[in-house]
Protein backbone atom coordinates (compact mmCIF):
# COMPACT_ATOMS: atom_id res chain seq x y z
CA MET A 1 -49.65 4.28 -4.49
CA ALA A 2 -47.90 1.60 -6.45
CA GLU A 3 -47.13 2.16 -10.12
CA ILE A 4 -47.04 -1.12 -12.04
CA PHE A 5 -45.69 -1.34 -15.70
CA PRO A 6 -45.53 -4.25 -18.31
CA PHE A 7 -42.10 -4.69 -19.84
CA ARG A 8 -40.23 -6.63 -22.44
CA ALA A 9 -38.45 -9.30 -20.31
CA VAL A 10 -35.27 -11.01 -21.57
CA ARG A 11 -35.70 -14.74 -21.08
CA TYR A 12 -33.98 -18.02 -22.14
CA ASP A 13 -35.05 -19.53 -25.36
CA ALA A 14 -36.31 -22.96 -24.15
CA ARG A 15 -35.75 -24.33 -27.70
CA ARG A 16 -31.98 -23.70 -27.32
CA VAL A 17 -31.46 -24.65 -23.60
CA ALA A 18 -33.15 -26.82 -21.14
CA LEU A 19 -34.48 -24.51 -18.52
CA ASP A 20 -33.58 -26.93 -15.60
CA SER A 21 -29.86 -26.59 -16.53
CA VAL A 22 -29.58 -22.88 -16.64
CA LEU A 23 -31.82 -21.13 -13.94
CA THR A 24 -30.49 -20.67 -10.45
CA GLN A 25 -31.63 -19.96 -6.88
CA PRO A 26 -31.14 -16.26 -5.79
CA TYR A 27 -27.45 -15.08 -5.47
CA ASP A 28 -27.53 -14.99 -1.55
CA LYS A 29 -28.69 -18.68 -1.30
CA ILE A 30 -25.93 -19.87 -3.70
CA SER A 31 -23.19 -21.85 -1.84
CA ALA A 32 -19.72 -22.64 -3.14
CA GLU A 33 -20.98 -26.19 -3.83
CA MET A 34 -23.96 -24.86 -5.83
CA GLN A 35 -21.78 -22.51 -7.83
CA GLU A 36 -19.77 -25.41 -9.19
CA ARG A 37 -22.78 -27.47 -9.68
CA TYR A 38 -24.47 -24.83 -11.70
CA ALA A 39 -21.47 -24.07 -13.76
CA ALA A 40 -21.01 -27.72 -14.67
CA ALA A 41 -24.75 -27.91 -15.70
CA SER A 42 -24.53 -25.84 -18.83
CA PRO A 43 -22.13 -23.25 -20.43
CA TYR A 44 -25.06 -21.03 -20.55
CA ASN A 45 -25.92 -21.41 -16.88
CA PHE A 46 -27.12 -18.17 -15.27
CA ILE A 47 -24.51 -18.48 -12.54
CA SER A 48 -21.99 -16.71 -14.92
CA ILE A 49 -24.27 -13.65 -14.65
CA GLU A 50 -25.78 -13.87 -11.14
CA LYS A 51 -22.72 -15.04 -9.13
CA GLY A 52 -19.64 -15.69 -11.21
CA LYS A 53 -16.23 -16.53 -9.85
CA SER A 54 -13.57 -14.00 -8.85
CA PHE A 55 -9.98 -14.57 -9.55
CA ALA A 56 -6.59 -13.23 -8.25
CA SER A 57 -5.71 -11.85 -11.63
CA ASP A 58 -9.01 -9.71 -11.88
CA SER A 59 -8.64 -6.05 -12.82
CA ALA A 60 -10.78 -3.15 -13.38
CA GLU A 61 -11.35 -4.11 -16.95
CA ASN A 62 -11.76 -7.85 -16.30
CA ASN A 63 -13.45 -9.01 -13.32
CA VAL A 64 -16.56 -10.87 -12.10
CA TYR A 65 -18.92 -7.94 -12.96
CA THR A 66 -17.52 -7.10 -16.37
CA ARG A 67 -17.50 -10.76 -17.43
CA ALA A 68 -21.28 -11.13 -16.35
CA SER A 69 -22.04 -8.04 -18.69
CA ARG A 70 -20.15 -9.55 -21.51
CA LYS A 71 -21.96 -12.89 -21.08
CA LEU A 72 -25.29 -11.09 -21.12
CA ASP A 73 -24.39 -9.45 -24.32
CA GLU A 74 -22.88 -12.60 -25.90
CA TRP A 75 -26.00 -14.73 -25.14
CA LEU A 76 -28.30 -12.18 -26.43
CA ALA A 77 -26.37 -11.85 -29.68
CA ASP A 78 -26.34 -15.74 -29.89
CA GLY A 79 -30.07 -15.98 -29.35
CA VAL A 80 -29.73 -18.08 -26.09
CA LEU A 81 -31.35 -15.13 -24.51
CA ILE A 82 -34.17 -13.33 -26.28
CA GLN A 83 -36.25 -10.46 -25.58
CA ASP A 84 -40.11 -10.65 -25.72
CA ALA A 85 -41.39 -8.55 -28.66
CA ALA A 86 -44.33 -6.97 -26.77
CA PRO A 87 -44.57 -5.51 -23.22
CA ALA A 88 -46.08 -8.03 -20.79
CA ILE A 89 -46.79 -8.94 -17.31
CA TYR A 90 -45.72 -12.45 -16.29
CA ALA A 91 -47.96 -14.67 -14.17
CA TYR A 92 -45.59 -16.79 -12.03
CA PHE A 93 -46.84 -19.64 -10.00
CA GLN A 94 -44.71 -22.04 -7.75
CA ASP A 95 -46.07 -25.52 -6.72
CA TYR A 96 -44.07 -26.78 -3.74
CA LYS A 97 -44.16 -29.28 -0.86
CA VAL A 98 -44.11 -27.54 2.54
CA ALA A 99 -41.08 -28.58 4.56
CA GLU A 100 -41.43 -31.60 6.96
CA THR A 101 -44.99 -32.19 5.85
CA ASN A 102 -46.74 -33.87 2.94
CA GLN A 103 -48.73 -30.80 2.16
CA ARG A 104 -48.41 -29.23 -1.30
CA LEU A 105 -49.19 -25.57 -1.90
CA GLU A 106 -49.24 -23.13 -4.93
CA ARG A 107 -48.01 -19.68 -4.59
CA ARG A 108 -49.43 -17.40 -7.13
CA GLY A 109 -48.08 -14.03 -8.21
CA PHE A 110 -46.85 -11.92 -11.17
CA ILE A 111 -43.68 -10.29 -12.39
CA ALA A 112 -43.85 -6.77 -13.70
CA LEU A 113 -41.90 -3.43 -13.41
CA GLY A 114 -42.59 -1.26 -10.42
CA ARG A 115 -41.54 2.42 -9.87
CA LEU A 116 -38.95 2.82 -7.26
CA ALA A 117 -39.87 4.86 -4.32
CA ASP A 118 -37.77 5.86 -1.28
CA TYR A 119 -39.14 4.48 2.05
CA GLU A 120 -40.13 7.82 3.27
CA GLU A 121 -42.84 7.90 0.45
CA ARG A 122 -44.63 5.00 2.17
CA VAL A 123 -45.18 3.05 -0.96
CA VAL A 124 -42.66 0.38 -0.46
CA PHE A 125 -41.94 -0.91 3.10
CA ARG A 126 -39.02 -2.95 4.55
CA HIS A 127 -39.28 -5.29 7.40
CA GLU A 128 -35.56 -5.74 8.04
CA HIS A 129 -32.39 -3.75 7.88
CA THR A 130 -29.64 -4.46 5.23
CA LEU A 131 -25.89 -5.06 5.33
CA THR A 132 -23.31 -3.04 3.42
CA ALA A 133 -21.29 -5.69 1.58
CA PRO A 134 -24.24 -7.38 -0.29
CA LYS A 135 -25.33 -4.04 -1.46
CA ALA A 136 -21.79 -3.25 -2.85
CA ASP A 137 -21.75 -6.42 -4.75
CA ARG A 138 -25.19 -6.08 -6.35
CA LEU A 139 -24.52 -2.49 -7.04
CA GLU A 140 -21.41 -3.20 -9.17
CA LEU A 141 -23.17 -5.90 -11.10
CA LEU A 142 -26.01 -3.40 -11.84
CA ARG A 143 -23.62 -0.84 -13.02
CA GLN A 144 -21.73 -3.14 -15.38
CA ALA A 145 -24.66 -5.42 -16.59
CA ARG A 146 -27.19 -2.68 -16.74
CA ALA A 147 -29.69 -5.42 -15.97
CA GLN A 148 -31.69 -6.57 -12.95
CA THR A 149 -31.12 -10.22 -12.76
CA GLY A 150 -32.77 -11.27 -9.51
CA GLN A 151 -36.28 -10.77 -8.66
CA LEU A 152 -37.75 -8.64 -5.73
CA PHE A 153 -40.33 -10.49 -3.74
CA MET A 154 -43.11 -8.04 -2.75
CA LEU A 155 -46.37 -8.56 -0.80
CA TYR A 156 -49.49 -6.58 -1.28
CA ASP A 157 -52.90 -6.93 0.45
CA ASP A 158 -55.89 -7.73 -1.65
CA PRO A 159 -58.67 -9.26 0.40
CA ALA A 160 -61.08 -9.27 -2.72
CA ARG A 161 -58.46 -11.26 -4.62
CA ARG A 162 -59.20 -9.28 -7.86
CA ILE A 163 -55.68 -9.79 -9.27
CA ASP A 164 -55.59 -13.42 -8.10
CA ALA A 165 -58.67 -14.05 -10.17
CA LEU A 166 -56.96 -12.60 -13.41
CA LEU A 167 -53.89 -14.78 -12.81
CA GLU A 168 -55.94 -17.96 -12.24
CA GLU A 169 -57.86 -17.26 -15.48
CA THR A 170 -54.41 -16.89 -17.35
CA ALA A 171 -53.23 -20.16 -15.76
CA ARG A 172 -55.91 -22.16 -17.40
CA GLN A 173 -53.58 -21.91 -20.54
CA THR A 174 -50.52 -23.90 -21.25
CA PRO A 175 -47.69 -22.23 -19.45
CA THR A 176 -44.98 -20.44 -21.55
CA ALA A 177 -42.25 -21.93 -19.41
CA GLU A 178 -42.11 -24.53 -16.78
CA VAL A 179 -39.12 -26.02 -14.73
CA ARG A 180 -38.62 -28.06 -11.77
CA ASP A 181 -35.79 -26.81 -9.48
CA GLU A 182 -33.31 -28.79 -7.44
CA TYR A 183 -35.65 -28.80 -4.36
CA GLY A 184 -38.61 -30.19 -6.33
CA VAL A 185 -40.44 -26.92 -6.66
CA VAL A 186 -42.19 -26.53 -10.03
CA HIS A 187 -42.06 -23.06 -11.46
CA ARG A 188 -44.56 -21.95 -14.14
CA LEU A 189 -44.65 -18.75 -16.16
CA TRP A 190 -47.28 -17.37 -18.42
CA VAL A 191 -46.95 -14.27 -20.66
CA ILE A 192 -49.76 -11.69 -20.26
CA SER A 193 -49.62 -9.43 -23.21
CA ASP A 194 -53.20 -8.54 -23.64
CA PRO A 195 -53.50 -4.72 -23.04
CA ALA A 196 -56.97 -5.04 -21.37
CA THR A 197 -55.80 -7.60 -18.75
CA ILE A 198 -52.58 -5.67 -18.13
CA GLN A 199 -54.78 -2.56 -17.53
CA ARG A 200 -57.00 -4.46 -15.14
CA ILE A 201 -53.93 -5.48 -13.07
CA THR A 202 -52.14 -2.12 -12.96
CA SER A 203 -55.48 -0.52 -11.96
CA ALA A 204 -55.93 -3.12 -9.22
CA MET A 205 -52.56 -2.30 -7.87
CA ALA A 206 -52.73 1.38 -7.95
CA ASP A 207 -53.88 1.87 -4.39
CA LYS A 208 -51.64 -0.77 -2.91
CA LYS A 209 -48.72 -0.50 -0.59
CA LEU A 210 -45.88 -3.01 -1.10
CA VAL A 211 -43.98 -4.79 1.65
CA ILE A 212 -40.61 -6.32 0.72
CA ALA A 213 -40.77 -9.99 1.69
CA ASP A 214 -37.34 -10.96 0.25
CA GLY A 215 -34.78 -8.86 -1.50
CA HIS A 216 -34.06 -5.80 0.81
CA HIS A 217 -30.56 -5.58 -0.56
CA ARG A 218 -31.70 -5.67 -4.16
CA TYR A 219 -34.15 -3.05 -3.73
CA GLU A 220 -31.84 -0.64 -1.80
CA THR A 221 -29.19 -1.29 -4.59
CA ALA A 222 -31.86 -0.40 -7.16
CA LEU A 223 -32.52 2.93 -5.26
CA ALA A 224 -28.77 3.65 -5.12
CA TYR A 225 -28.37 3.01 -8.81
CA ARG A 226 -31.26 5.21 -9.66
CA ASN A 227 -29.82 8.06 -7.48
CA GLU A 228 -26.43 7.68 -9.28
CA CYS A 229 -28.07 7.77 -12.65
CA ARG A 230 -30.13 10.79 -11.67
CA ALA A 231 -27.03 12.72 -10.66
CA LYS A 232 -25.16 11.77 -13.79
CA ASP A 233 -28.24 12.88 -16.04
CA GLY A 234 -28.60 16.12 -13.87
CA ARG A 235 -32.34 15.64 -13.73
CA ILE A 236 -35.24 13.33 -12.80
CA ASP A 237 -36.65 11.61 -15.97
CA PRO A 238 -39.71 9.65 -14.65
CA ASP A 239 -39.71 7.42 -17.86
CA ALA A 240 -36.00 6.49 -17.50
CA PRO A 241 -35.59 2.78 -17.19
CA TYR A 242 -33.55 2.94 -13.98
CA GLU A 243 -36.61 4.52 -12.27
CA LYS A 244 -38.19 1.10 -12.34
CA ALA A 245 -37.32 -2.35 -10.79
CA MET A 246 -38.33 -5.79 -11.49
CA TRP A 247 -40.97 -6.90 -8.86
CA THR A 248 -42.61 -10.17 -8.30
CA CYS A 249 -45.79 -9.55 -6.35
CA PHE A 250 -47.91 -11.84 -4.27
CA ASN A 251 -51.33 -11.17 -2.38
CA ALA A 252 -50.53 -11.55 1.30
CA ARG A 253 -54.15 -13.10 1.68
CA GLN A 254 -53.47 -16.23 -0.44
CA GLU A 255 -52.85 -19.77 1.32
CA GLY A 256 -49.70 -20.46 -0.85
CA LEU A 257 -47.37 -18.15 1.32
CA THR A 258 -44.86 -20.03 3.47
CA ILE A 259 -42.52 -18.59 6.07
CA LEU A 260 -39.91 -20.96 7.47
CA PRO A 261 -38.38 -20.28 10.83
CA THR A 262 -34.62 -19.54 11.18
CA HIS A 263 -33.25 -21.15 14.18
CA ARG A 264 -30.34 -19.71 16.35
CA VAL A 265 -27.24 -21.60 17.40
CA VAL A 266 -25.23 -20.21 20.23
CA ARG A 267 -21.54 -20.96 20.99
CA ASN A 268 -18.54 -19.50 22.72
CA LEU A 269 -20.25 -18.61 26.01
CA ALA A 270 -17.87 -18.66 29.00
CA GLY A 271 -19.24 -20.78 31.91
CA PHE A 272 -22.38 -21.87 30.15
CA SER A 273 -24.66 -24.43 31.72
CA ILE A 274 -28.20 -25.40 30.73
CA ALA A 275 -29.15 -25.51 34.42
CA LYS A 276 -27.97 -21.99 35.16
CA PHE A 277 -29.63 -20.91 31.90
CA LEU A 278 -33.03 -22.35 32.83
CA GLN A 279 -32.83 -20.92 36.24
CA THR A 280 -32.16 -17.36 34.84
CA ALA A 281 -34.84 -17.73 32.07
CA SER A 282 -37.53 -18.85 34.62
CA GLU A 283 -37.85 -15.14 35.60
CA TYR A 284 -39.70 -14.77 32.19
CA PHE A 285 -40.61 -18.21 31.19
CA ASP A 286 -41.95 -21.47 32.61
CA TRP A 287 -39.89 -24.39 31.23
CA TYR A 288 -40.87 -28.02 30.55
CA ALA A 289 -38.41 -30.75 30.01
CA TYR A 290 -38.62 -33.52 27.40
CA PRO A 291 -36.17 -36.03 28.54
CA PHE A 292 -34.91 -39.06 26.84
CA VAL A 293 -32.50 -41.77 28.23
CA ALA A 294 -31.47 -43.88 25.34
CA ALA A 295 -30.98 -42.83 21.68
CA SER A 296 -34.01 -45.13 20.67
CA GLU A 297 -36.17 -42.81 22.80
CA ARG A 298 -35.04 -39.66 21.13
CA GLU A 299 -37.12 -39.72 18.01
CA GLU A 300 -40.32 -40.17 19.93
CA THR A 301 -39.47 -37.53 22.34
CA PHE A 302 -38.55 -35.17 19.61
CA ALA A 303 -41.82 -35.64 17.78
CA GLU A 304 -43.70 -34.93 21.00
CA PHE A 305 -41.61 -31.79 21.55
CA LYS A 306 -42.10 -30.37 18.04
CA HIS A 307 -45.96 -31.01 18.19
CA ASP A 308 -46.03 -29.01 21.52
CA LEU A 309 -43.82 -26.27 20.14
CA GLN A 310 -46.34 -25.74 17.35
CA ARG A 311 -49.42 -26.20 19.53
CA ARG A 312 -48.36 -23.68 22.11
CA GLY A 313 -47.04 -21.40 19.52
CA ARG A 314 -50.48 -20.98 18.14
CA ALA A 315 -51.90 -20.14 21.51
CA GLY A 316 -49.04 -17.85 22.98
CA HIS A 317 -45.29 -17.43 22.93
CA CYS A 318 -42.91 -20.36 23.39
CA ILE A 319 -39.45 -21.10 22.27
CA GLY A 320 -37.64 -24.56 21.96
CA VAL A 321 -34.36 -25.20 23.50
CA TYR A 322 -31.76 -28.08 22.90
CA ALA A 323 -28.49 -28.21 24.87
CA GLY A 324 -27.74 -31.84 24.68
CA ASN A 325 -27.85 -33.52 28.07
CA HIS A 326 -30.60 -35.89 26.90
CA ALA A 327 -33.46 -33.36 26.86
CA PHE A 328 -35.29 -30.93 24.80
CA TYR A 329 -37.00 -27.95 26.65
CA LEU A 330 -39.93 -25.85 25.90
CA LEU A 331 -39.89 -22.18 27.30
CA VAL A 332 -43.45 -20.75 27.61
CA LEU A 333 -43.82 -16.98 28.38
CA ARG A 334 -45.31 -16.55 31.78
CA ASN A 335 -47.27 -13.35 31.41
CA SER A 336 -47.53 -11.38 28.07
CA ALA A 337 -48.87 -8.47 29.92
CA GLU A 338 -45.43 -7.94 31.52
CA LEU A 339 -43.79 -7.42 28.03
CA GLU A 340 -44.79 -3.66 28.06
CA ARG A 341 -42.76 -3.28 31.29
CA LEU A 342 -39.90 -5.52 30.20
CA LEU A 343 -39.55 -4.10 26.60
CA PRO A 344 -40.86 -0.46 26.79
CA ASP A 345 -38.82 0.73 23.78
CA ILE A 346 -40.28 -1.53 21.19
CA SER A 347 -43.66 -1.51 19.44
CA PRO A 348 -46.68 -3.77 20.73
CA ALA A 349 -46.47 -5.49 17.21
CA GLN A 350 -42.88 -6.44 17.94
CA ARG A 351 -43.57 -7.71 21.46
CA GLN A 352 -45.70 -10.34 19.80
CA LEU A 353 -42.79 -11.83 17.88
CA ASP A 354 -41.20 -14.95 19.51
CA VAL A 355 -37.90 -14.07 17.80
CA VAL A 356 -37.93 -10.68 19.44
CA LEU A 357 -38.41 -12.30 22.80
CA LEU A 358 -35.64 -14.69 22.16
CA HIS A 359 -33.24 -11.86 21.38
CA ARG A 360 -34.22 -9.35 23.95
CA LEU A 361 -34.97 -11.67 27.01
CA LEU A 362 -33.03 -14.89 26.41
CA LEU A 363 -30.03 -13.96 24.35
CA HIS A 364 -29.52 -10.35 25.88
CA LYS A 365 -30.79 -10.65 29.51
CA CYS A 366 -30.26 -14.28 30.31
CA LEU A 367 -26.96 -14.97 28.19
CA GLY A 368 -25.41 -11.48 27.97
CA ILE A 369 -25.31 -11.52 24.09
CA THR A 370 -25.83 -7.98 23.16
CA ALA A 371 -27.28 -6.73 19.73
CA GLU A 372 -23.66 -5.87 18.61
CA LYS A 373 -22.55 -9.30 19.30
CA VAL A 374 -25.55 -10.77 17.37
CA LYS A 375 -24.77 -8.49 14.39
CA ALA A 376 -21.05 -9.48 14.56
CA GLU A 377 -22.13 -13.16 14.91
CA THR A 378 -19.60 -13.54 17.69
CA ASN A 379 -21.95 -15.90 19.56
CA VAL A 380 -24.89 -16.48 17.31
CA THR A 381 -25.22 -18.22 13.91
CA TYR A 382 -28.22 -19.32 12.06
CA GLU A 383 -29.79 -22.50 10.72
CA ARG A 384 -32.93 -23.06 8.70
CA GLU A 385 -33.33 -26.78 9.40
CA MET A 386 -34.25 -27.79 13.01
CA ASP A 387 -32.09 -30.95 12.61
CA ALA A 388 -29.05 -28.97 11.62
CA ALA A 389 -29.34 -26.66 14.82
CA ILE A 390 -29.76 -29.63 16.92
CA GLY A 391 -26.93 -31.30 15.19
CA ALA A 392 -24.45 -28.49 15.97
CA VAL A 393 -24.98 -29.02 19.69
CA ASP A 394 -24.60 -32.83 19.27
CA LEU A 395 -21.29 -32.42 17.33
CA ASP A 396 -20.02 -29.75 19.99
CA ALA A 397 -19.94 -27.06 17.54
CA ALA A 398 -22.54 -25.06 19.68
CA GLN A 399 -23.57 -25.01 23.32
CA ILE A 400 -27.24 -24.41 22.83
CA ALA A 401 -29.79 -24.16 19.97
CA PHE A 402 -33.01 -22.15 20.11
CA LEU A 403 -35.80 -23.52 17.98
CA LEU A 404 -38.53 -21.24 16.79
CA ASP A 405 -42.00 -21.32 15.26
CA PRO A 406 -42.33 -19.41 11.91
CA VAL A 407 -43.52 -15.74 11.89
CA ARG A 408 -46.89 -15.29 10.39
CA VAL A 409 -47.27 -13.29 7.10
CA ALA A 410 -49.80 -11.02 8.98
CA GLN A 411 -47.12 -10.23 11.33
CA VAL A 412 -44.81 -9.23 8.81
CA MET A 413 -47.27 -6.99 7.03
CA GLU A 414 -48.19 -5.32 10.32
CA ILE A 415 -44.76 -4.49 11.50
CA ALA A 416 -43.58 -3.28 7.98
CA LEU A 417 -46.60 -1.03 7.38
CA ALA A 418 -46.04 0.54 10.79
CA GLY A 419 -42.66 1.61 9.65
CA ASP A 420 -40.98 -0.95 11.93
CA VAL A 421 -38.26 -3.66 11.36
CA MET A 422 -37.67 -7.30 12.69
CA PRO A 423 -34.41 -8.84 13.73
CA GLN A 424 -32.21 -9.99 11.13
CA LYS A 425 -33.05 -13.43 9.69
CA SER A 426 -36.59 -13.34 11.23
CA THR A 427 -38.26 -14.61 8.06
CA ASP A 428 -37.44 -17.12 5.31
CA PHE A 429 -40.07 -17.01 2.72
CA TYR A 430 -40.09 -20.41 0.80
CA PRO A 431 -39.59 -21.34 -2.07
CA LYS A 432 -37.14 -18.73 -3.36
CA LEU A 433 -37.84 -17.01 -6.78
CA LEU A 434 -35.59 -18.25 -9.58
CA SER A 435 -32.92 -16.15 -11.01
CA GLY A 436 -32.78 -15.91 -14.75
CA LEU A 437 -36.52 -16.69 -15.33
CA CYS A 438 -37.14 -13.14 -16.32
CA ILE A 439 -34.37 -10.37 -16.73
CA TYR A 440 -34.97 -6.66 -16.92
CA ARG A 441 -32.43 -5.26 -19.32
CA MET A 442 -32.02 -1.42 -19.17
């Protein structure tokens, strides 16, 4: 199913630059503040390539994309970036602290090239739809730089953990590169150039299906670029470099995978009241209040609420709510057997997702927020941190916050492999894969 290839990655020469001063988070996670901070960290920071600045004076000949291409050429010529001498697969481990806990995990995977396949071929599967603007941006960068700068985060299913065993054996050696990012995540890279080990990995992956965990826009951009190049060449050359993309692959069976929830914050609703909302929602959910009177009681109440949200979430369907008014609320689905009647147009697997129940029952049926309004972000915006979602209500920037448990990895795999998709921003795999760690130069 999946064709995996070693490649000669372009990487920073750690003898010339400190890796923690040049590598960045993925382009879609880089804020304006981060952009400035990265640019100030080093003249060789990858921000100049991954997400450079646009100017009013930009032209067809000199713009953010052409400047990125020139930087890549300059740094290669100067030896700041170097290309590995032999084709390799790269073991990539991330050691990180799980949010809001003291638990540390290690996510273990590898970076290689993978043959691009249309979704209809059922080799690579998506779990969410994409937006036009990010694809247009990444496509123009790909055209100009002729390089894949960001990593595609792919999941595969390997219950026997054959590939994990090979990676763990490699990791007994000193890493080729090691860096701690701004979130305290330690990234380690090992070069696997031994032909026998490479063959064992590629053979073990041959029967796998791949699910895109993160990077749907980059994957579809790579497909679009491939199709452009095919049309230009007037033929399909399976060995052409644009037929492949840089994949970072992780076994879905490992303990090191973490998905964070993305909470929903709602505003601009005419005539909203929490009492009216709870009354309407009670058609589908039982609700429980967690009141507090004084500010000194809030922290203890919040801790109890979060504990119950997680506990009940493991046993069934529940959604947290905060609308100010000195109380948190927990909404627990009354009867999951009713979901087939209430949501007949979606798959059984989708009906098991709290985020789907939130969108279809609470946002749409109870608050009148349609899918079109959600897409336009007329009423709904998103927060990764629960405290930020609650804070938006406290600051009167929102009327109500919906607080979610994370989606499970097995649910993502099941829905994607069935050819289905989830609502936008249903998953937030943490930590992110660093940009600039490995570059695929075509």
